[in-house]
Amino acid sequence: MIEVFKKYSDFGRKAKRSEFWGVALSLFGLGFLVTVTCILLMLGGWLGSIIAIPALLVFMVLSTWVSIATIVARCRDAGINPWFTAACFVPYIGTIVFIVIGCIGTKHE
């Protein structure tokens, strides 16, 4: 787990399309499972809420970090400015930018 986090702490690396989409789909699926689990815990009462809310916040922070690092790496691999990562957080337009960044081919050096 530590090695994975070290990998995604390096913003100077490059990510191929397969890694980009693998991370995106994995985070989507894991996010769904974490959300459902936290909702079920919260339905159990206040003790479940005490456990679920911090767990959900930690997951959100870590998944956002991994997402940003992967998008920056994908931008570097595609040969576009990594600052386009910020456009992924614009409502509605961000989804389109995210898909476009994931579909652009690798820049050959």
N, C-alpha and C. Protein backbone atom coordinates (compact mmCIF):
# COMPACT_ATOMS: atom_id res chain seq x y z
N MET A 1 0.82 -1.20 0.00
CA MET A 1 0.00 0.00 0.00
C MET A 1 0.87 1.26 0.00
N ILE A 2 1.95 1.22 0.76
CA ILE A 2 2.85 2.37 0.83
C ILE A 2 3.50 2.62 -0.53
N GLU A 3 3.88 1.54 -1.22
CA GLU A 3 4.51 1.68 -2.53
C GLU A 3 3.54 2.32 -3.54
N VAL A 4 2.29 1.94 -3.47
CA VAL A 4 1.28 2.53 -4.37
C VAL A 4 1.15 4.01 -4.10
N PHE A 5 1.12 4.40 -2.81
CA PHE A 5 0.99 5.81 -2.49
C PHE A 5 2.22 6.59 -2.92
N LYS A 6 3.42 5.97 -2.79
CA LYS A 6 4.64 6.64 -3.25
C LYS A 6 4.59 6.87 -4.76
N LYS A 7 4.05 5.90 -5.48
CA LYS A 7 3.94 6.04 -6.93
C LYS A 7 3.06 7.23 -7.29
N TYR A 8 1.97 7.40 -6.57
CA TYR A 8 1.04 8.47 -6.89
C TYR A 8 1.39 9.79 -6.19
N SER A 9 2.51 9.82 -5.48
CA SER A 9 3.00 11.07 -4.93
C SER A 9 3.96 11.75 -5.89
N ASP A 10 4.38 11.03 -6.92
CA ASP A 10 5.32 11.55 -7.91
C ASP A 10 4.55 12.18 -9.06
N PHE A 11 4.55 13.51 -9.13
CA PHE A 11 3.83 14.20 -10.19
C PHE A 11 4.66 14.36 -11.46
N GLY A 12 5.89 13.86 -11.45
CA GLY A 12 6.75 14.00 -12.62
C GLY A 12 6.73 12.78 -13.53
N ARG A 13 5.95 11.79 -13.22
CA ARG A 13 5.93 10.56 -14.02
C ARG A 13 4.95 10.69 -15.18
N LYS A 14 4.89 9.63 -15.98
CA LYS A 14 3.95 9.58 -17.10
C LYS A 14 3.04 8.36 -16.92
N ALA A 15 1.81 8.46 -17.43
CA ALA A 15 0.85 7.37 -17.32
C ALA A 15 0.25 7.09 -18.69
N LYS A 16 0.27 5.85 -19.10
CA LYS A 16 -0.35 5.42 -20.35
C LYS A 16 -1.87 5.45 -20.20
N ARG A 17 -2.56 5.33 -21.33
CA ARG A 17 -4.03 5.35 -21.29
C ARG A 17 -4.59 4.22 -20.44
N SER A 18 -3.98 3.03 -20.54
CA SER A 18 -4.50 1.89 -19.78
C SER A 18 -4.40 2.12 -18.27
N GLU A 19 -3.30 2.73 -17.82
CA GLU A 19 -3.17 3.03 -16.39
C GLU A 19 -4.19 4.10 -15.98
N PHE A 20 -4.35 5.12 -16.81
CA PHE A 20 -5.30 6.19 -16.53
C PHE A 20 -6.71 5.64 -16.34
N TRP A 21 -7.16 4.84 -17.32
CA TRP A 21 -8.52 4.30 -17.23
C TRP A 21 -8.65 3.25 -16.14
N GLY A 22 -7.58 2.49 -15.89
CA GLY A 22 -7.60 1.51 -14.81
C GLY A 22 -7.79 2.17 -13.46
N VAL A 23 -7.04 3.25 -13.23
CA VAL A 23 -7.18 3.99 -11.97
C VAL A 23 -8.56 4.61 -11.87
N ALA A 24 -9.04 5.21 -12.96
CA ALA A 24 -10.36 5.87 -12.94
C ALA A 24 -11.47 4.88 -12.62
N LEU A 25 -11.46 3.74 -13.29
CA LEU A 25 -12.51 2.74 -13.05
C LEU A 25 -12.38 2.09 -11.68
N SER A 26 -11.16 1.88 -11.24
CA SER A 26 -10.95 1.30 -9.90
C SER A 26 -11.46 2.24 -8.81
N LEU A 27 -11.13 3.52 -8.95
CA LEU A 27 -11.60 4.49 -7.95
C LEU A 27 -13.12 4.64 -7.98
N PHE A 28 -13.70 4.54 -9.17
CA PHE A 28 -15.17 4.62 -9.26
C PHE A 28 -15.81 3.44 -8.54
N GLY A 29 -15.32 2.24 -8.81
CA GLY A 29 -15.87 1.05 -8.16
C GLY A 29 -15.63 1.03 -6.67
N LEU A 30 -14.42 1.38 -6.26
CA LEU A 30 -14.10 1.42 -4.84
C LEU A 30 -14.91 2.50 -4.14
N GLY A 31 -15.09 3.63 -4.80
CA GLY A 31 -15.90 4.70 -4.23
C GLY A 31 -17.34 4.28 -4.01
N PHE A 32 -17.87 3.52 -4.97
CA PHE A 32 -19.24 3.00 -4.83
C PHE A 32 -19.33 2.08 -3.60
N LEU A 33 -18.36 1.17 -3.46
CA LEU A 33 -18.39 0.24 -2.33
C LEU A 33 -18.22 0.96 -0.99
N VAL A 34 -17.32 1.92 -0.93
CA VAL A 34 -17.10 2.66 0.31
C VAL A 34 -18.34 3.47 0.67
N THR A 35 -18.95 4.08 -0.31
CA THR A 35 -20.16 4.88 -0.06
C THR A 35 -21.31 4.01 0.46
N VAL A 36 -21.53 2.89 -0.19
CA VAL A 36 -22.61 1.98 0.25
C VAL A 36 -22.34 1.47 1.66
N THR A 37 -21.09 1.10 1.93
CA THR A 37 -20.73 0.61 3.26
C THR A 37 -20.94 1.69 4.31
N CYS A 38 -20.55 2.92 4.02
CA CYS A 38 -20.72 4.01 4.97
C CYS A 38 -22.20 4.33 5.19
N ILE A 39 -22.99 4.27 4.15
CA ILE A 39 -24.44 4.50 4.31
C ILE A 39 -25.04 3.44 5.21
N LEU A 40 -24.66 2.19 5.00
CA LEU A 40 -25.18 1.11 5.85
C LEU A 40 -24.74 1.27 7.29
N LEU A 41 -23.51 1.70 7.51
CA LEU A 41 -23.05 1.96 8.87
C LEU A 41 -23.83 3.10 9.52
N MET A 42 -24.09 4.16 8.75
CA MET A 42 -24.83 5.30 9.30
C MET A 42 -26.28 4.94 9.62
N LEU A 43 -26.84 4.01 8.87
CA LEU A 43 -28.21 3.59 9.17
C LEU A 43 -28.28 2.81 10.47
N GLY A 44 -27.13 2.31 10.93
CA GLY A 44 -27.08 1.54 12.17
C GLY A 44 -27.15 2.39 13.42
N GLY A 45 -27.00 3.68 13.30
CA GLY A 45 -27.09 4.54 14.48
C GLY A 45 -25.91 5.48 14.57
N TRP A 46 -25.83 6.16 15.71
CA TRP A 46 -24.81 7.19 15.88
C TRP A 46 -23.40 6.61 15.92
N LEU A 47 -23.23 5.40 16.46
CA LEU A 47 -21.90 4.79 16.52
C LEU A 47 -21.39 4.49 15.11
N GLY A 48 -22.27 4.05 14.24
CA GLY A 48 -21.90 3.82 12.86
C GLY A 48 -21.52 5.10 12.15
N SER A 49 -22.20 6.19 12.48
CA SER A 49 -21.87 7.49 11.89
C SER A 49 -20.51 7.98 12.34
N ILE A 50 -20.16 7.71 13.60
CA ILE A 50 -18.86 8.12 14.11
C ILE A 50 -17.74 7.40 13.35
N ILE A 51 -17.98 6.20 12.92
CA ILE A 51 -16.99 5.44 12.17
C ILE A 51 -17.04 5.81 10.68
N ALA A 52 -18.23 5.92 10.13
CA ALA A 52 -18.41 6.07 8.68
C ALA A 52 -17.97 7.43 8.15
N ILE A 53 -18.29 8.49 8.83
CA ILE A 53 -18.00 9.83 8.31
C ILE A 53 -16.50 10.08 8.18
N PRO A 54 -15.68 9.80 9.20
CA PRO A 54 -14.22 9.98 9.00
C PRO A 54 -13.66 9.04 7.93
N ALA A 55 -14.17 7.82 7.87
CA ALA A 55 -13.69 6.87 6.86
C ALA A 55 -13.99 7.39 5.46
N LEU A 56 -15.17 7.92 5.27
CA LEU A 56 -15.55 8.47 3.97
C LEU A 56 -14.71 9.69 3.61
N LEU A 57 -14.43 10.55 4.57
CA LEU A 57 -13.60 11.73 4.33
C LEU A 57 -12.17 11.34 3.96
N VAL A 58 -11.62 10.36 4.65
CA VAL A 58 -10.27 9.89 4.34
C VAL A 58 -10.24 9.30 2.93
N PHE A 59 -11.24 8.51 2.58
CA PHE A 59 -11.29 7.94 1.24
C PHE A 59 -11.39 9.04 0.19
N MET A 60 -12.20 10.05 0.44
CA MET A 60 -12.35 11.14 -0.54
C MET A 60 -11.05 11.89 -0.75
N VAL A 61 -10.32 12.18 0.32
CA VAL A 61 -9.06 12.91 0.20
C VAL A 61 -8.04 12.06 -0.57
N LEU A 62 -7.89 10.79 -0.19
CA LEU A 62 -6.92 9.93 -0.85
C LEU A 62 -7.27 9.68 -2.32
N SER A 63 -8.54 9.48 -2.62
CA SER A 63 -8.92 9.23 -4.01
C SER A 63 -8.76 10.50 -4.86
N THR A 64 -8.99 11.66 -4.27
CA THR A 64 -8.75 12.90 -5.00
C THR A 64 -7.27 13.07 -5.30
N TRP A 65 -6.42 12.76 -4.35
CA TRP A 65 -4.98 12.86 -4.55
C TRP A 65 -4.52 11.93 -5.67
N VAL A 66 -4.98 10.69 -5.64
CA VAL A 66 -4.60 9.72 -6.66
C VAL A 66 -5.13 10.15 -8.02
N SER A 67 -6.33 10.68 -8.08
CA SER A 67 -6.91 11.16 -9.34
C SER A 67 -6.09 12.29 -9.93
N ILE A 68 -5.75 13.27 -9.10
CA ILE A 68 -4.98 14.41 -9.60
C ILE A 68 -3.62 13.95 -10.10
N ALA A 69 -2.95 13.09 -9.34
CA ALA A 69 -1.62 12.61 -9.74
C ALA A 69 -1.70 11.83 -11.06
N THR A 70 -2.74 11.03 -11.24
CA THR A 70 -2.88 10.25 -12.46
C THR A 70 -3.21 11.13 -13.65
N ILE A 71 -4.05 12.14 -13.46
CA ILE A 71 -4.39 13.04 -14.56
C ILE A 71 -3.16 13.85 -14.98
N VAL A 72 -2.38 14.31 -14.00
CA VAL A 72 -1.15 15.05 -14.33
C VAL A 72 -0.19 14.14 -15.10
N ALA A 73 -0.04 12.91 -14.65
CA ALA A 73 0.85 11.96 -15.35
C ALA A 73 0.35 11.68 -16.76
N ARG A 74 -0.95 11.58 -16.93
CA ARG A 74 -1.53 11.32 -18.26
C ARG A 74 -1.31 12.53 -19.17
N CYS A 75 -1.45 13.73 -18.63
CA CYS A 75 -1.19 14.94 -19.42
C CYS A 75 0.26 14.97 -19.89
N ARG A 76 1.18 14.62 -19.01
CA ARG A 76 2.60 14.58 -19.39
C ARG A 76 2.83 13.57 -20.50
N ASP A 77 2.20 12.40 -20.40
CA ASP A 77 2.37 11.36 -21.41
C ASP A 77 1.76 11.77 -22.75
N ALA A 78 0.67 12.51 -22.70
CA ALA A 78 -0.01 12.93 -23.92
C ALA A 78 0.64 14.17 -24.53
N GLY A 79 1.56 14.80 -23.81
CA GLY A 79 2.25 15.96 -24.34
C GLY A 79 1.47 17.25 -24.21
N ILE A 80 0.54 17.31 -23.28
CA ILE A 80 -0.20 18.55 -23.06
C ILE A 80 0.18 19.12 -21.69
N ASN A 81 -0.11 20.38 -21.49
CA ASN A 81 0.24 21.06 -20.26
C ASN A 81 -0.50 20.42 -19.07
N PRO A 82 0.24 20.02 -18.02
CA PRO A 82 -0.40 19.40 -16.85
C PRO A 82 -1.41 20.30 -16.14
N TRP A 83 -1.38 21.60 -16.42
CA TRP A 83 -2.36 22.50 -15.79
C TRP A 83 -3.77 22.26 -16.31
N PHE A 84 -3.92 21.49 -17.38
CA PHE A 84 -5.26 21.13 -17.86
C PHE A 84 -5.99 20.25 -16.84
N THR A 85 -5.24 19.72 -15.88
CA THR A 85 -5.85 18.94 -14.80
C THR A 85 -6.89 19.77 -14.07
N ALA A 86 -6.64 21.05 -13.91
CA ALA A 86 -7.58 21.92 -13.20
C ALA A 86 -8.93 21.99 -13.91
N ALA A 87 -8.92 21.83 -15.23
CA ALA A 87 -10.18 21.88 -15.98
C ALA A 87 -11.08 20.69 -15.66
N CYS A 88 -10.51 19.62 -15.14
CA CYS A 88 -11.32 18.44 -14.79
C CYS A 88 -12.24 18.71 -13.61
N PHE A 89 -12.00 19.78 -12.87
CA PHE A 89 -12.82 20.10 -11.71
C PHE A 89 -13.88 21.16 -11.98
N VAL A 90 -14.01 21.56 -13.24
CA VAL A 90 -15.06 22.50 -13.63
C VAL A 90 -16.34 21.69 -13.87
N PRO A 91 -17.44 22.06 -13.25
CA PRO A 91 -18.67 21.29 -13.43
C PRO A 91 -19.05 21.15 -14.91
N TYR A 92 -19.52 19.97 -15.27
CA TYR A 92 -19.97 19.59 -16.61
C TYR A 92 -18.82 19.52 -17.62
N ILE A 93 -18.06 20.59 -17.76
CA ILE A 93 -16.95 20.61 -18.71
C ILE A 93 -15.85 19.65 -18.27
N GLY A 94 -15.69 19.50 -16.96
CA GLY A 94 -14.65 18.64 -16.42
C GLY A 94 -14.77 17.19 -16.87
N THR A 95 -15.98 16.70 -16.99
CA THR A 95 -16.19 15.33 -17.46
C THR A 95 -15.70 15.17 -18.89
N ILE A 96 -15.99 16.14 -19.73
CA ILE A 96 -15.56 16.09 -21.12
C ILE A 96 -14.03 16.17 -21.19
N VAL A 97 -13.44 17.07 -20.42
CA VAL A 97 -11.97 17.21 -20.41
C VAL A 97 -11.33 15.92 -19.92
N PHE A 98 -11.90 15.31 -18.89
CA PHE A 98 -11.39 14.05 -18.34
C PHE A 98 -11.37 12.96 -19.41
N ILE A 99 -12.46 12.83 -20.15
CA ILE A 99 -12.55 11.81 -21.21
C ILE A 99 -11.56 12.11 -22.33
N VAL A 100 -11.45 13.36 -22.71
CA VAL A 100 -10.52 13.74 -23.79
C VAL A 100 -9.09 13.45 -23.38
N ILE A 101 -8.70 13.81 -22.14
CA ILE A 101 -7.34 13.54 -21.68
C ILE A 101 -7.08 12.04 -21.68
N GLY A 102 -8.09 11.26 -21.33
CA GLY A 102 -7.92 9.81 -21.31
C GLY A 102 -7.86 9.19 -22.68
N CYS A 103 -8.34 9.88 -23.71
CA CYS A 103 -8.37 9.31 -25.07
C CYS A 103 -7.24 9.79 -25.96
N ILE A 104 -6.56 10.88 -25.58
CA ILE A 104 -5.47 11.39 -26.42
C ILE A 104 -4.33 10.38 -26.43
N GLY A 105 -3.75 10.21 -27.59
CA GLY A 105 -2.64 9.27 -27.73
C GLY A 105 -1.37 9.76 -27.06
N THR A 106 -0.43 8.83 -26.92
CA THR A 106 0.86 9.14 -26.32
C THR A 106 1.71 9.98 -27.27
N LYS A 107 2.37 10.98 -26.71
CA LYS A 107 3.27 11.82 -27.52
C LYS A 107 4.59 11.06 -27.70
N HIS A 108 4.99 10.90 -28.94
CA HIS A 108 6.26 10.20 -29.21
C HIS A 108 7.38 11.22 -29.21
N GLU A 109 8.39 10.94 -28.42
CA GLU A 109 9.52 11.88 -28.31
C GLU A 109 10.63 11.48 -29.24
